[in-house]
């Protein structure tokens, strides 16, 4: 067994030994440039497999973009990946909520998503369809495009937050790795799981 396989086997044993509940919902934030790297979509497919093989029920992927002109190209490429579960892609112009097990957000930042939800809610209040006194967190969440609240959010390539899931990730466990997406491997994902399982979640308390 080579050193990589030995390290991988050790991580798997450690994760099982911990006995902690794995995250049901996992999210990852990558960039447009990450997807330009050779093999980036293979990594994407493998990541989905790792997540579902290790207990996840839902996976969210957010792709930050600098130029919205590339969004249609990225959306088409992502829609064609070999996903182990049904996959739905949404871009900046989409407003339909996502309910698929694999949710992919291309360039639809959290501020824009929250503004769109607020705007929709304001129209409903103005039309008399919603009582403003009854507006609460659930009312807002019902109008988000990506309603899933990830248990674990992984950010590759840098230790900084991005404008994605700013509402949904408020109680998520954040995991930063300096490993770039092109180099992200199964052992990196397992390390994120081990880190998650070593934490005591407080949900803001």
N, C-alpha and C. Protein backbone atom coordinates (compact mmCIF):
# COMPACT_ATOMS: atom_id res chain seq x y z
N UNK A 1 0.85 -1.20 0.00
CA UNK A 1 0.00 0.00 0.00
C UNK A 1 0.89 1.24 0.00
N UNK A 2 0.61 2.18 -0.92
CA UNK A 2 1.43 3.38 -1.00
C UNK A 2 1.07 4.36 0.12
N UNK A 3 1.92 5.38 0.37
CA UNK A 3 1.68 6.32 1.49
C UNK A 3 0.32 7.00 1.43
N UNK A 4 -0.13 7.36 0.21
CA UNK A 4 -1.44 8.02 0.10
C UNK A 4 -2.56 7.10 0.56
N UNK A 5 -2.52 5.84 0.08
CA UNK A 5 -3.57 4.89 0.46
C UNK A 5 -3.53 4.58 1.95
N UNK A 6 -2.34 4.52 2.53
CA UNK A 6 -2.24 4.28 3.98
C UNK A 6 -2.86 5.44 4.76
N UNK A 7 -2.55 6.67 4.32
CA UNK A 7 -3.10 7.85 4.99
C UNK A 7 -4.62 7.88 4.86
N UNK A 8 -5.11 7.50 3.68
CA UNK A 8 -6.55 7.49 3.44
C UNK A 8 -7.23 6.46 4.33
N UNK A 9 -6.65 5.26 4.40
CA UNK A 9 -7.22 4.20 5.24
C UNK A 9 -7.24 4.62 6.71
N UNK A 10 -6.20 5.31 7.16
CA UNK A 10 -6.14 5.78 8.54
C UNK A 10 -7.24 6.80 8.81
N UNK A 11 -7.45 7.71 7.89
CA UNK A 11 -8.48 8.73 8.06
C UNK A 11 -9.86 8.08 8.13
N UNK A 12 -10.11 7.07 7.29
CA UNK A 12 -11.40 6.38 7.31
C UNK A 12 -11.60 5.70 8.66
N UNK A 13 -10.56 5.03 9.17
CA UNK A 13 -10.68 4.35 10.46
C UNK A 13 -10.93 5.35 11.58
N UNK A 14 -10.21 6.47 11.55
CA UNK A 14 -10.38 7.49 12.58
C UNK A 14 -11.79 8.06 12.56
N UNK A 15 -12.31 8.30 11.35
CA UNK A 15 -13.65 8.87 11.25
C UNK A 15 -14.68 7.91 11.82
N UNK A 16 -14.54 6.62 11.50
CA UNK A 16 -15.48 5.63 12.02
C UNK A 16 -15.35 5.48 13.53
N UNK A 17 -14.12 5.57 14.03
CA UNK A 17 -13.88 5.39 15.46
C UNK A 17 -14.48 6.52 16.27
N UNK A 18 -14.53 7.69 15.68
CA UNK A 18 -15.09 8.84 16.41
C UNK A 18 -16.53 8.56 16.82
N UNK A 19 -17.27 7.88 15.94
CA UNK A 19 -18.64 7.53 16.26
C UNK A 19 -19.61 8.70 16.22
N UNK A 20 -19.13 9.89 15.87
CA UNK A 20 -20.00 11.06 15.82
C UNK A 20 -20.88 11.02 14.56
N UNK A 21 -21.98 11.71 14.63
CA UNK A 21 -22.91 11.75 13.49
C UNK A 21 -22.30 12.60 12.38
N UNK A 22 -22.23 12.08 11.15
CA UNK A 22 -21.69 12.87 10.05
C UNK A 22 -22.67 13.97 9.64
N UNK A 23 -22.20 14.98 8.95
CA UNK A 23 -23.10 16.05 8.50
C UNK A 23 -24.09 15.53 7.47
N UNK A 24 -25.36 15.86 7.65
CA UNK A 24 -26.38 15.47 6.67
C UNK A 24 -26.34 16.36 5.44
N UNK A 25 -25.95 17.61 5.65
CA UNK A 25 -25.89 18.57 4.54
C UNK A 25 -24.49 19.17 4.48
N UNK A 26 -23.86 19.04 3.32
CA UNK A 26 -22.50 19.53 3.12
C UNK A 26 -22.49 20.55 1.99
N UNK A 27 -21.75 21.63 2.18
CA UNK A 27 -21.62 22.66 1.14
C UNK A 27 -20.15 22.93 0.88
N UNK A 28 -19.85 23.31 -0.36
CA UNK A 28 -18.49 23.71 -0.71
C UNK A 28 -18.57 24.95 -1.58
N UNK A 29 -17.62 25.86 -1.38
CA UNK A 29 -17.55 27.09 -2.17
C UNK A 29 -16.28 27.06 -3.00
N UNK A 30 -16.42 27.15 -4.32
CA UNK A 30 -15.28 27.18 -5.22
C UNK A 30 -15.42 28.39 -6.13
N UNK A 31 -14.47 28.56 -7.05
CA UNK A 31 -14.49 29.73 -7.91
C UNK A 31 -14.58 29.33 -9.38
N UNK A 32 -14.94 30.32 -10.18
CA UNK A 32 -14.98 30.14 -11.63
C UNK A 32 -13.63 29.65 -12.15
N UNK A 33 -12.53 30.23 -11.62
CA UNK A 33 -11.21 29.83 -12.08
C UNK A 33 -10.89 28.38 -11.74
N UNK A 34 -11.42 27.91 -10.60
CA UNK A 34 -11.22 26.51 -10.22
C UNK A 34 -11.72 25.58 -11.31
N UNK A 35 -12.85 25.93 -11.92
CA UNK A 35 -13.47 25.07 -12.92
C UNK A 35 -12.78 25.15 -14.28
N UNK A 36 -11.84 26.08 -14.42
CA UNK A 36 -11.06 26.16 -15.66
C UNK A 36 -9.86 25.23 -15.63
N UNK A 37 -9.53 24.71 -14.45
CA UNK A 37 -8.39 23.82 -14.30
C UNK A 37 -8.70 22.45 -14.90
N UNK A 38 -7.69 21.82 -15.45
CA UNK A 38 -7.86 20.49 -16.01
C UNK A 38 -8.29 19.52 -14.91
N UNK A 39 -9.32 18.75 -15.18
CA UNK A 39 -9.80 17.76 -14.22
C UNK A 39 -10.73 18.30 -13.16
N UNK A 40 -11.12 19.58 -13.28
CA UNK A 40 -11.96 20.20 -12.25
C UNK A 40 -13.32 19.53 -12.13
N UNK A 41 -13.90 19.13 -13.25
CA UNK A 41 -15.23 18.51 -13.20
C UNK A 41 -15.16 17.06 -12.73
N UNK A 42 -14.02 16.43 -12.93
CA UNK A 42 -13.81 15.09 -12.37
C UNK A 42 -13.77 15.19 -10.85
N UNK A 43 -13.06 16.21 -10.34
CA UNK A 43 -13.03 16.44 -8.90
C UNK A 43 -14.43 16.70 -8.38
N UNK A 44 -15.21 17.45 -9.14
CA UNK A 44 -16.59 17.75 -8.76
C UNK A 44 -17.40 16.46 -8.60
N UNK A 45 -17.30 15.58 -9.58
CA UNK A 45 -18.04 14.32 -9.52
C UNK A 45 -17.57 13.46 -8.35
N UNK A 46 -16.26 13.42 -8.14
CA UNK A 46 -15.73 12.63 -7.03
C UNK A 46 -16.16 13.20 -5.68
N UNK A 47 -16.18 14.52 -5.58
CA UNK A 47 -16.61 15.15 -4.34
C UNK A 47 -18.03 14.74 -3.98
N UNK A 48 -18.92 14.74 -4.96
CA UNK A 48 -20.30 14.33 -4.71
C UNK A 48 -20.33 12.89 -4.21
N UNK A 49 -19.53 12.03 -4.82
CA UNK A 49 -19.47 10.64 -4.39
C UNK A 49 -18.97 10.50 -2.97
N UNK A 50 -17.90 11.23 -2.62
CA UNK A 50 -17.36 11.17 -1.25
C UNK A 50 -18.42 11.60 -0.24
N UNK A 51 -19.10 12.69 -0.57
CA UNK A 51 -20.08 13.24 0.38
C UNK A 51 -21.20 12.24 0.65
N UNK A 52 -21.77 11.67 -0.39
CA UNK A 52 -22.87 10.73 -0.20
C UNK A 52 -22.40 9.39 0.38
N UNK A 53 -21.19 8.98 0.04
CA UNK A 53 -20.65 7.74 0.60
C UNK A 53 -20.40 7.85 2.10
N UNK A 54 -20.21 9.07 2.58
CA UNK A 54 -19.87 9.26 3.99
C UNK A 54 -20.99 9.97 4.76
N UNK A 55 -22.23 9.67 4.38
CA UNK A 55 -23.35 10.04 5.22
C UNK A 55 -24.15 11.26 4.85
N UNK A 56 -23.70 12.05 3.87
CA UNK A 56 -24.47 13.25 3.50
C UNK A 56 -25.76 12.86 2.78
N UNK A 57 -26.80 13.63 3.02
CA UNK A 57 -28.07 13.45 2.32
C UNK A 57 -28.27 14.52 1.25
N UNK A 58 -27.61 15.66 1.47
CA UNK A 58 -27.74 16.78 0.54
C UNK A 58 -26.39 17.48 0.39
N UNK A 59 -26.12 17.96 -0.82
CA UNK A 59 -24.86 18.65 -1.11
C UNK A 59 -25.16 19.94 -1.85
N UNK A 60 -24.53 21.03 -1.41
CA UNK A 60 -24.66 22.33 -2.08
C UNK A 60 -23.28 22.75 -2.58
N UNK A 61 -23.23 23.24 -3.81
CA UNK A 61 -21.98 23.74 -4.39
C UNK A 61 -22.22 25.15 -4.89
N UNK A 62 -21.41 26.09 -4.40
CA UNK A 62 -21.52 27.48 -4.85
C UNK A 62 -20.27 27.85 -5.64
N UNK A 63 -20.48 28.41 -6.82
CA UNK A 63 -19.38 28.80 -7.69
C UNK A 63 -19.39 30.32 -7.84
N UNK A 64 -18.37 30.97 -7.31
CA UNK A 64 -18.29 32.43 -7.45
C UNK A 64 -17.72 32.76 -8.84
N UNK A 65 -18.29 33.78 -9.47
CA UNK A 65 -17.84 34.17 -10.81
C UNK A 65 -17.54 35.66 -10.84
N UNK A 66 -16.53 36.03 -11.61
CA UNK A 66 -16.18 37.44 -11.80
C UNK A 66 -16.88 38.03 -13.01
N UNK A 67 -17.13 37.18 -14.00
CA UNK A 67 -17.76 37.62 -15.25
C UNK A 67 -19.02 36.79 -15.47
N UNK A 68 -20.18 37.42 -15.36
CA UNK A 68 -21.44 36.68 -15.51
C UNK A 68 -21.65 36.15 -16.92
N UNK A 69 -20.85 36.61 -17.86
CA UNK A 69 -20.98 36.10 -19.23
C UNK A 69 -20.62 34.62 -19.32
N UNK A 70 -19.83 34.13 -18.36
CA UNK A 70 -19.42 32.72 -18.40
C UNK A 70 -20.43 31.81 -17.70
N UNK A 71 -21.43 32.39 -17.05
CA UNK A 71 -22.39 31.60 -16.27
C UNK A 71 -23.08 30.53 -17.12
N UNK A 72 -23.63 30.85 -18.31
CA UNK A 72 -24.31 29.82 -19.10
C UNK A 72 -23.40 28.63 -19.44
N UNK A 73 -22.13 28.92 -19.74
CA UNK A 73 -21.19 27.84 -20.07
C UNK A 73 -20.97 26.94 -18.87
N UNK A 74 -20.77 27.53 -17.71
CA UNK A 74 -20.55 26.76 -16.49
C UNK A 74 -21.80 25.96 -16.13
N UNK A 75 -22.97 26.59 -16.29
CA UNK A 75 -24.22 25.89 -15.97
C UNK A 75 -24.39 24.65 -16.84
N UNK A 76 -24.09 24.78 -18.13
CA UNK A 76 -24.24 23.63 -19.04
C UNK A 76 -23.27 22.51 -18.66
N UNK A 77 -22.03 22.89 -18.33
CA UNK A 77 -21.03 21.88 -17.98
C UNK A 77 -21.40 21.17 -16.69
N UNK A 78 -21.90 21.92 -15.71
CA UNK A 78 -22.27 21.32 -14.42
C UNK A 78 -23.50 20.45 -14.54
N UNK A 79 -24.43 20.84 -15.40
CA UNK A 79 -25.64 20.05 -15.59
C UNK A 79 -25.34 18.70 -16.23
N UNK A 80 -24.18 18.59 -16.89
CA UNK A 80 -23.82 17.36 -17.58
C UNK A 80 -22.94 16.43 -16.75
N UNK A 81 -22.59 16.83 -15.52
CA UNK A 81 -21.71 15.97 -14.73
C UNK A 81 -22.46 14.71 -14.30
N UNK A 82 -21.69 13.67 -14.03
CA UNK A 82 -22.26 12.41 -13.59
C UNK A 82 -22.49 12.47 -12.08
N UNK A 83 -23.71 12.78 -11.68
CA UNK A 83 -24.03 12.97 -10.27
C UNK A 83 -24.73 11.73 -9.72
N UNK A 84 -24.37 11.31 -8.49
CA UNK A 84 -25.03 10.14 -7.90
C UNK A 84 -26.47 10.39 -7.47
N UNK A 85 -26.87 11.64 -7.38
CA UNK A 85 -28.24 12.00 -7.02
C UNK A 85 -28.73 13.10 -7.97
N UNK A 86 -30.04 13.32 -8.06
CA UNK A 86 -30.55 14.39 -8.92
C UNK A 86 -29.89 15.73 -8.60
N UNK A 87 -29.57 16.48 -9.65
CA UNK A 87 -28.81 17.73 -9.53
C UNK A 87 -29.59 18.86 -10.17
N UNK A 88 -29.62 20.01 -9.50
CA UNK A 88 -30.27 21.21 -10.05
C UNK A 88 -29.30 22.38 -10.00
N UNK A 89 -29.25 23.13 -11.10
CA UNK A 89 -28.35 24.28 -11.21
C UNK A 89 -29.17 25.56 -11.29
N UNK A 90 -28.75 26.58 -10.55
CA UNK A 90 -29.39 27.89 -10.61
C UNK A 90 -28.33 28.96 -10.81
N UNK A 91 -28.66 29.97 -11.62
CA UNK A 91 -27.77 31.08 -11.87
C UNK A 91 -28.36 32.39 -11.39
N UNK A 92 -27.69 33.51 -11.67
CA UNK A 92 -28.12 34.82 -11.16
C UNK A 92 -29.53 35.23 -11.55
N UNK A 93 -30.04 34.75 -12.68
CA UNK A 93 -31.36 35.17 -13.10
C UNK A 93 -32.48 34.26 -12.64
N UNK A 94 -32.15 33.20 -11.93
CA UNK A 94 -33.17 32.23 -11.51
C UNK A 94 -33.76 32.59 -10.15
N UNK A 95 -35.04 32.31 -10.00
CA UNK A 95 -35.70 32.57 -8.71
C UNK A 95 -36.46 31.35 -8.18
N UNK A 96 -36.52 30.27 -8.97
CA UNK A 96 -37.24 29.08 -8.51
C UNK A 96 -36.45 28.38 -7.41
N UNK A 97 -37.07 28.08 -6.28
CA UNK A 97 -36.37 27.38 -5.19
C UNK A 97 -35.90 26.01 -5.64
N UNK A 98 -34.83 25.53 -5.01
CA UNK A 98 -34.23 24.25 -5.34
C UNK A 98 -34.59 23.23 -4.26
N UNK A 99 -34.98 22.03 -4.70
CA UNK A 99 -35.27 20.99 -3.73
C UNK A 99 -34.49 19.72 -3.99
N UNK A 100 -33.61 19.72 -5.00
CA UNK A 100 -32.85 18.53 -5.37
C UNK A 100 -31.78 18.22 -4.32
N UNK A 101 -31.38 16.94 -4.22
CA UNK A 101 -30.32 16.57 -3.26
C UNK A 101 -28.99 17.25 -3.55
N UNK A 102 -28.72 17.56 -4.83
CA UNK A 102 -27.50 18.29 -5.19
C UNK A 102 -27.92 19.64 -5.75
N UNK A 103 -27.52 20.70 -5.05
CA UNK A 103 -27.92 22.05 -5.42
C UNK A 103 -26.67 22.84 -5.82
N UNK A 104 -26.67 23.36 -7.04
CA UNK A 104 -25.50 24.08 -7.55
C UNK A 104 -25.87 25.53 -7.82
N UNK A 105 -25.14 26.42 -7.21
CA UNK A 105 -25.37 27.85 -7.33
C UNK A 105 -24.21 28.47 -8.12
N UNK A 106 -24.51 29.01 -9.28
CA UNK A 106 -23.48 29.62 -10.11
C UNK A 106 -23.64 31.14 -10.12
N UNK A 107 -22.85 31.82 -9.35
CA UNK A 107 -22.82 33.28 -9.38
C UNK A 107 -23.98 33.99 -8.73
N UNK A 108 -24.86 33.26 -8.04
CA UNK A 108 -26.01 33.88 -7.38
C UNK A 108 -25.63 34.13 -5.93
N UNK A 109 -24.99 35.26 -5.67
CA UNK A 109 -24.47 35.56 -4.34
C UNK A 109 -25.55 35.68 -3.28
N UNK A 110 -25.14 35.53 -2.02
CA UNK A 110 -26.08 35.55 -0.92
C UNK A 110 -26.81 36.88 -0.77
N UNK A 111 -26.11 37.98 -1.01
CA UNK A 111 -26.77 39.28 -0.90
C UNK A 111 -27.86 39.42 -1.95
N UNK A 112 -27.57 38.96 -3.16
CA UNK A 112 -28.56 39.05 -4.24
C UNK A 112 -29.75 38.14 -3.93
N UNK A 113 -29.45 36.94 -3.42
CA UNK A 113 -30.52 36.00 -3.09
C UNK A 113 -31.43 36.57 -2.00
N UNK A 114 -30.82 37.15 -0.96
CA UNK A 114 -31.59 37.71 0.14
C UNK A 114 -32.41 38.91 -0.34
N UNK A 115 -31.81 39.75 -1.20
CA UNK A 115 -32.54 40.90 -1.74
C UNK A 115 -33.74 40.45 -2.57
N UNK A 116 -33.56 39.38 -3.37
CA UNK A 116 -34.66 38.87 -4.20
C UNK A 116 -35.78 38.33 -3.32
N UNK A 117 -35.42 37.63 -2.24
CA UNK A 117 -36.43 37.09 -1.33
C UNK A 117 -37.19 38.22 -0.65
N UNK A 118 -36.46 39.25 -0.24
CA UNK A 118 -37.08 40.40 0.42
C UNK A 118 -38.01 41.15 -0.54
N UNK A 119 -37.56 41.28 -1.78
CA UNK A 119 -38.38 41.97 -2.79
C UNK A 119 -39.67 41.19 -3.05
N UNK A 120 -39.56 39.87 -3.17
CA UNK A 120 -40.75 39.05 -3.40
C UNK A 120 -41.71 39.15 -2.23
N UNK A 121 -41.16 39.17 -1.02
CA UNK A 121 -41.99 39.27 0.18
C UNK A 121 -42.68 40.63 0.25
N UNK A 122 -41.96 41.68 -0.14
CA UNK A 122 -42.55 43.02 -0.13
C UNK A 122 -43.73 43.12 -1.09
N UNK A 123 -43.60 42.50 -2.27
CA UNK A 123 -44.70 42.49 -3.24
C UNK A 123 -45.92 41.77 -2.66
N UNK A 124 -45.68 40.66 -1.95
CA UNK A 124 -46.78 39.90 -1.37
C UNK A 124 -47.47 40.67 -0.25
N UNK A 125 -46.67 41.40 0.53
CA UNK A 125 -47.26 42.23 1.58
C UNK A 125 -48.08 43.34 0.95
N UNK A 126 -47.54 43.98 -0.11
CA UNK A 126 -48.23 45.07 -0.78
C UNK A 126 -49.54 44.60 -1.41
N UNK A 127 -49.56 43.33 -1.86
CA UNK A 127 -50.77 42.78 -2.48
C UNK A 127 -51.75 42.25 -1.45
N UNK A 128 -51.40 42.34 -0.19
CA UNK A 128 -52.28 41.87 0.86
C UNK A 128 -52.27 40.36 1.05
N UNK A 129 -51.29 39.69 0.45
CA UNK A 129 -51.21 38.23 0.55
C UNK A 129 -50.50 37.77 1.82
N UNK A 130 -49.70 38.66 2.40
CA UNK A 130 -48.95 38.33 3.62
C UNK A 130 -49.14 39.46 4.63
N UNK A 131 -49.44 39.09 5.87
CA UNK A 131 -49.56 40.07 6.95
C UNK A 131 -48.16 40.41 7.46
N UNK A 132 -47.74 41.68 7.39
CA UNK A 132 -46.38 42.03 7.82
C UNK A 132 -46.08 41.65 9.26
N UNK A 133 -47.11 41.58 10.10
CA UNK A 133 -46.90 41.20 11.50
C UNK A 133 -46.57 39.72 11.64
N UNK A 134 -46.83 38.96 10.60
CA UNK A 134 -46.57 37.52 10.67
C UNK A 134 -45.26 37.13 9.99
N UNK A 135 -44.53 38.10 9.47
CA UNK A 135 -43.26 37.80 8.80
C UNK A 135 -42.22 37.40 9.84
N UNK A 136 -41.61 36.22 9.65
CA UNK A 136 -40.57 35.75 10.54
C UNK A 136 -39.48 35.06 9.72
N UNK A 137 -38.54 34.39 10.39
CA UNK A 137 -37.44 33.76 9.68
C UNK A 137 -37.93 32.71 8.69
N UNK A 138 -38.94 31.95 9.08
CA UNK A 138 -39.47 30.92 8.18
C UNK A 138 -40.07 31.54 6.93
N UNK A 139 -40.69 32.70 7.08
CA UNK A 139 -41.30 33.38 5.93
C UNK A 139 -40.23 33.74 4.91
N UNK A 140 -39.09 34.23 5.40
CA UNK A 140 -37.99 34.58 4.51
C UNK A 140 -37.40 33.33 3.87
N UNK A 141 -37.14 32.31 4.68
CA UNK A 141 -36.51 31.09 4.18
C UNK A 141 -37.34 30.43 3.07
N UNK A 142 -38.65 30.54 3.17
CA UNK A 142 -39.53 29.94 2.16
C UNK A 142 -39.35 30.59 0.80
N UNK A 143 -38.73 31.76 0.76
CA UNK A 143 -38.57 32.49 -0.50
C UNK A 143 -37.13 32.50 -1.00
N UNK A 144 -36.25 31.77 -0.33
CA UNK A 144 -34.87 31.66 -0.78
C UNK A 144 -34.77 30.64 -1.90
N UNK A 145 -33.88 30.90 -2.83
CA UNK A 145 -33.66 29.95 -3.93
C UNK A 145 -32.98 28.69 -3.41
N UNK A 146 -32.04 28.87 -2.48
CA UNK A 146 -31.31 27.74 -1.89
C UNK A 146 -31.64 27.66 -0.40
N UNK A 147 -32.73 26.97 -0.04
CA UNK A 147 -33.18 26.96 1.34
C UNK A 147 -32.37 26.06 2.27
N UNK A 148 -31.53 25.20 1.71
CA UNK A 148 -30.79 24.23 2.53
C UNK A 148 -29.81 24.91 3.47
N UNK A 149 -29.82 24.50 4.74
CA UNK A 149 -28.87 25.01 5.74
C UNK A 149 -27.78 23.96 5.94
N UNK A 150 -26.58 24.19 5.42
CA UNK A 150 -25.54 23.16 5.52
C UNK A 150 -25.03 22.98 6.95
N UNK A 151 -24.79 21.72 7.32
CA UNK A 151 -24.14 21.44 8.61
C UNK A 151 -22.66 21.79 8.53
N UNK A 152 -22.05 21.46 7.40
CA UNK A 152 -20.62 21.70 7.18
C UNK A 152 -20.44 22.48 5.89
N UNK A 153 -19.70 23.59 5.97
CA UNK A 153 -19.40 24.39 4.78
C UNK A 153 -17.89 24.40 4.60
N UNK A 154 -17.44 23.92 3.45
CA UNK A 154 -16.01 23.85 3.14
C UNK A 154 -15.65 24.94 2.15
N UNK A 155 -14.60 25.69 2.48
CA UNK A 155 -14.10 26.73 1.56
C UNK A 155 -12.68 26.33 1.16
N UNK A 156 -12.49 26.11 -0.13
CA UNK A 156 -11.17 25.71 -0.61
C UNK A 156 -10.36 26.92 -1.05
N UNK A 157 -9.03 26.77 -1.01
CA UNK A 157 -8.14 27.75 -1.60
C UNK A 157 -7.77 28.95 -0.77
N UNK A 158 -8.53 29.28 0.26
CA UNK A 158 -8.20 30.46 1.06
C UNK A 158 -9.06 30.51 2.31
N UNK A 159 -8.54 31.18 3.33
CA UNK A 159 -9.27 31.28 4.59
C UNK A 159 -10.05 32.59 4.63
N UNK A 160 -11.11 32.62 3.84
CA UNK A 160 -11.97 33.80 3.85
C UNK A 160 -13.37 33.37 3.42
N UNK A 161 -14.34 34.12 3.87
CA UNK A 161 -15.72 33.83 3.52
C UNK A 161 -16.06 34.42 2.16
N UNK A 162 -17.10 33.90 1.55
CA UNK A 162 -17.57 34.41 0.26
C UNK A 162 -19.03 34.81 0.40
N UNK A 163 -19.52 35.53 -0.61
CA UNK A 163 -20.90 36.01 -0.58
C UNK A 163 -21.85 34.90 -1.05
N UNK A 164 -21.92 33.83 -0.28
CA UNK A 164 -22.83 32.74 -0.59
C UNK A 164 -23.46 32.23 0.69
N UNK A 165 -24.75 31.92 0.62
CA UNK A 165 -25.46 31.31 1.74
C UNK A 165 -25.28 32.11 3.04
N UNK A 166 -25.35 33.43 2.95
CA UNK A 166 -25.12 34.25 4.14
C UNK A 166 -26.23 34.08 5.17
N UNK A 167 -27.42 33.71 4.72
CA UNK A 167 -28.52 33.43 5.64
C UNK A 167 -28.44 31.97 6.11
N UNK A 168 -28.25 31.06 5.16
CA UNK A 168 -28.34 29.63 5.45
C UNK A 168 -27.19 29.12 6.32
N UNK A 169 -26.01 29.74 6.22
CA UNK A 169 -24.83 29.19 6.89
C UNK A 169 -24.55 29.82 8.26
N UNK A 170 -25.51 30.56 8.80
CA UNK A 170 -25.25 31.27 10.05
C UNK A 170 -24.88 30.32 11.18
N UNK A 171 -25.41 29.09 11.17
CA UNK A 171 -25.08 28.11 12.21
C UNK A 171 -24.25 26.95 11.67
N UNK A 172 -23.75 27.09 10.46
CA UNK A 172 -22.93 26.02 9.88
C UNK A 172 -21.56 25.97 10.55
N UNK A 173 -20.95 24.78 10.50
CA UNK A 173 -19.56 24.65 10.90
C UNK A 173 -18.71 24.95 9.67
N UNK A 174 -17.79 25.91 9.80
CA UNK A 174 -16.97 26.34 8.66
C UNK A 174 -15.62 25.64 8.70
N UNK A 175 -15.19 25.16 7.54
CA UNK A 175 -13.89 24.49 7.43
C UNK A 175 -13.14 25.11 6.27
N UNK A 176 -11.99 25.73 6.58
CA UNK A 176 -11.16 26.36 5.56
C UNK A 176 -9.95 25.48 5.27
N UNK A 177 -9.64 25.30 4.00
CA UNK A 177 -8.43 24.57 3.61
C UNK A 177 -7.69 25.38 2.56
N UNK A 178 -6.36 25.40 2.66
CA UNK A 178 -5.58 26.13 1.65
C UNK A 178 -5.35 25.28 0.40
N UNK A 179 -5.89 24.05 0.41
CA UNK A 179 -5.81 23.20 -0.78
C UNK A 179 -6.75 23.74 -1.85
N UNK A 180 -6.21 23.98 -3.04
CA UNK A 180 -7.04 24.46 -4.13
C UNK A 180 -7.92 23.34 -4.67
N UNK A 181 -9.01 23.73 -5.34
CA UNK A 181 -9.96 22.75 -5.82
C UNK A 181 -9.31 21.71 -6.73
N UNK A 182 -8.38 22.15 -7.58
CA UNK A 182 -7.74 21.20 -8.51
C UNK A 182 -6.96 20.12 -7.77
N UNK A 183 -6.53 20.42 -6.54
CA UNK A 183 -5.74 19.46 -5.76
C UNK A 183 -6.55 18.80 -4.65
N UNK A 184 -7.82 19.12 -4.54
CA UNK A 184 -8.66 18.60 -3.46
C UNK A 184 -8.90 17.11 -3.69
N UNK A 185 -8.57 16.30 -2.68
CA UNK A 185 -8.66 14.85 -2.81
C UNK A 185 -9.52 14.29 -1.67
N UNK A 186 -9.75 12.99 -1.76
CA UNK A 186 -10.61 12.35 -0.77
C UNK A 186 -10.07 12.54 0.65
N UNK A 187 -8.76 12.49 0.82
CA UNK A 187 -8.20 12.66 2.16
C UNK A 187 -8.50 14.05 2.71
N UNK A 188 -8.56 15.06 1.82
CA UNK A 188 -8.88 16.42 2.27
C UNK A 188 -10.33 16.49 2.74
N UNK A 189 -11.21 15.77 2.03
CA UNK A 189 -12.61 15.75 2.46
C UNK A 189 -12.74 15.03 3.79
N UNK A 190 -12.04 13.92 3.96
CA UNK A 190 -12.12 13.17 5.22
C UNK A 190 -11.56 14.00 6.38
N UNK A 191 -10.55 14.78 6.13
CA UNK A 191 -10.03 15.66 7.17
C UNK A 191 -11.08 16.67 7.60
N UNK A 192 -11.83 17.18 6.62
CA UNK A 192 -12.91 18.11 6.95
C UNK A 192 -13.97 17.42 7.81
N UNK A 193 -14.28 16.16 7.49
CA UNK A 193 -15.26 15.41 8.29
C UNK A 193 -14.75 15.17 9.70
N UNK A 194 -13.47 14.81 9.84
CA UNK A 194 -12.89 14.58 11.16
C UNK A 194 -12.95 15.85 12.00
N UNK A 195 -12.63 16.98 11.36
CA UNK A 195 -12.68 18.25 12.07
C UNK A 195 -14.11 18.55 12.52
N UNK A 196 -15.07 18.32 11.63
CA UNK A 196 -16.48 18.55 11.95
C UNK A 196 -16.91 17.68 13.13
N UNK A 197 -16.53 16.41 13.09
CA UNK A 197 -16.96 15.48 14.13
C UNK A 197 -16.28 15.72 15.47
N UNK A 198 -15.22 16.52 15.46
CA UNK A 198 -14.55 16.83 16.73
C UNK A 198 -15.14 18.07 17.41
N UNK A 199 -16.05 18.73 16.73
CA UNK A 199 -16.61 19.98 17.28
C UNK A 199 -17.91 19.72 18.04
N UNK A 200 -18.21 20.64 18.92
CA UNK A 200 -19.49 20.62 19.62
C UNK A 200 -20.35 21.75 19.05
N UNK A 201 -21.36 21.42 18.32
CA UNK A 201 -22.18 22.43 17.67
C UNK A 201 -23.05 23.16 18.71
N UNK A 202 -23.11 24.47 18.57
CA UNK A 202 -23.87 25.29 19.54
C UNK A 202 -25.06 25.99 18.93
N UNK A 203 -25.11 26.07 17.59
CA UNK A 203 -26.25 26.69 16.91
C UNK A 203 -26.56 28.09 17.46
N UNK A 204 -25.48 28.87 17.67
CA UNK A 204 -25.64 30.25 18.11
C UNK A 204 -25.83 30.43 19.60
N UNK A 205 -25.87 29.32 20.35
CA UNK A 205 -26.09 29.44 21.79
C UNK A 205 -24.76 29.56 22.52
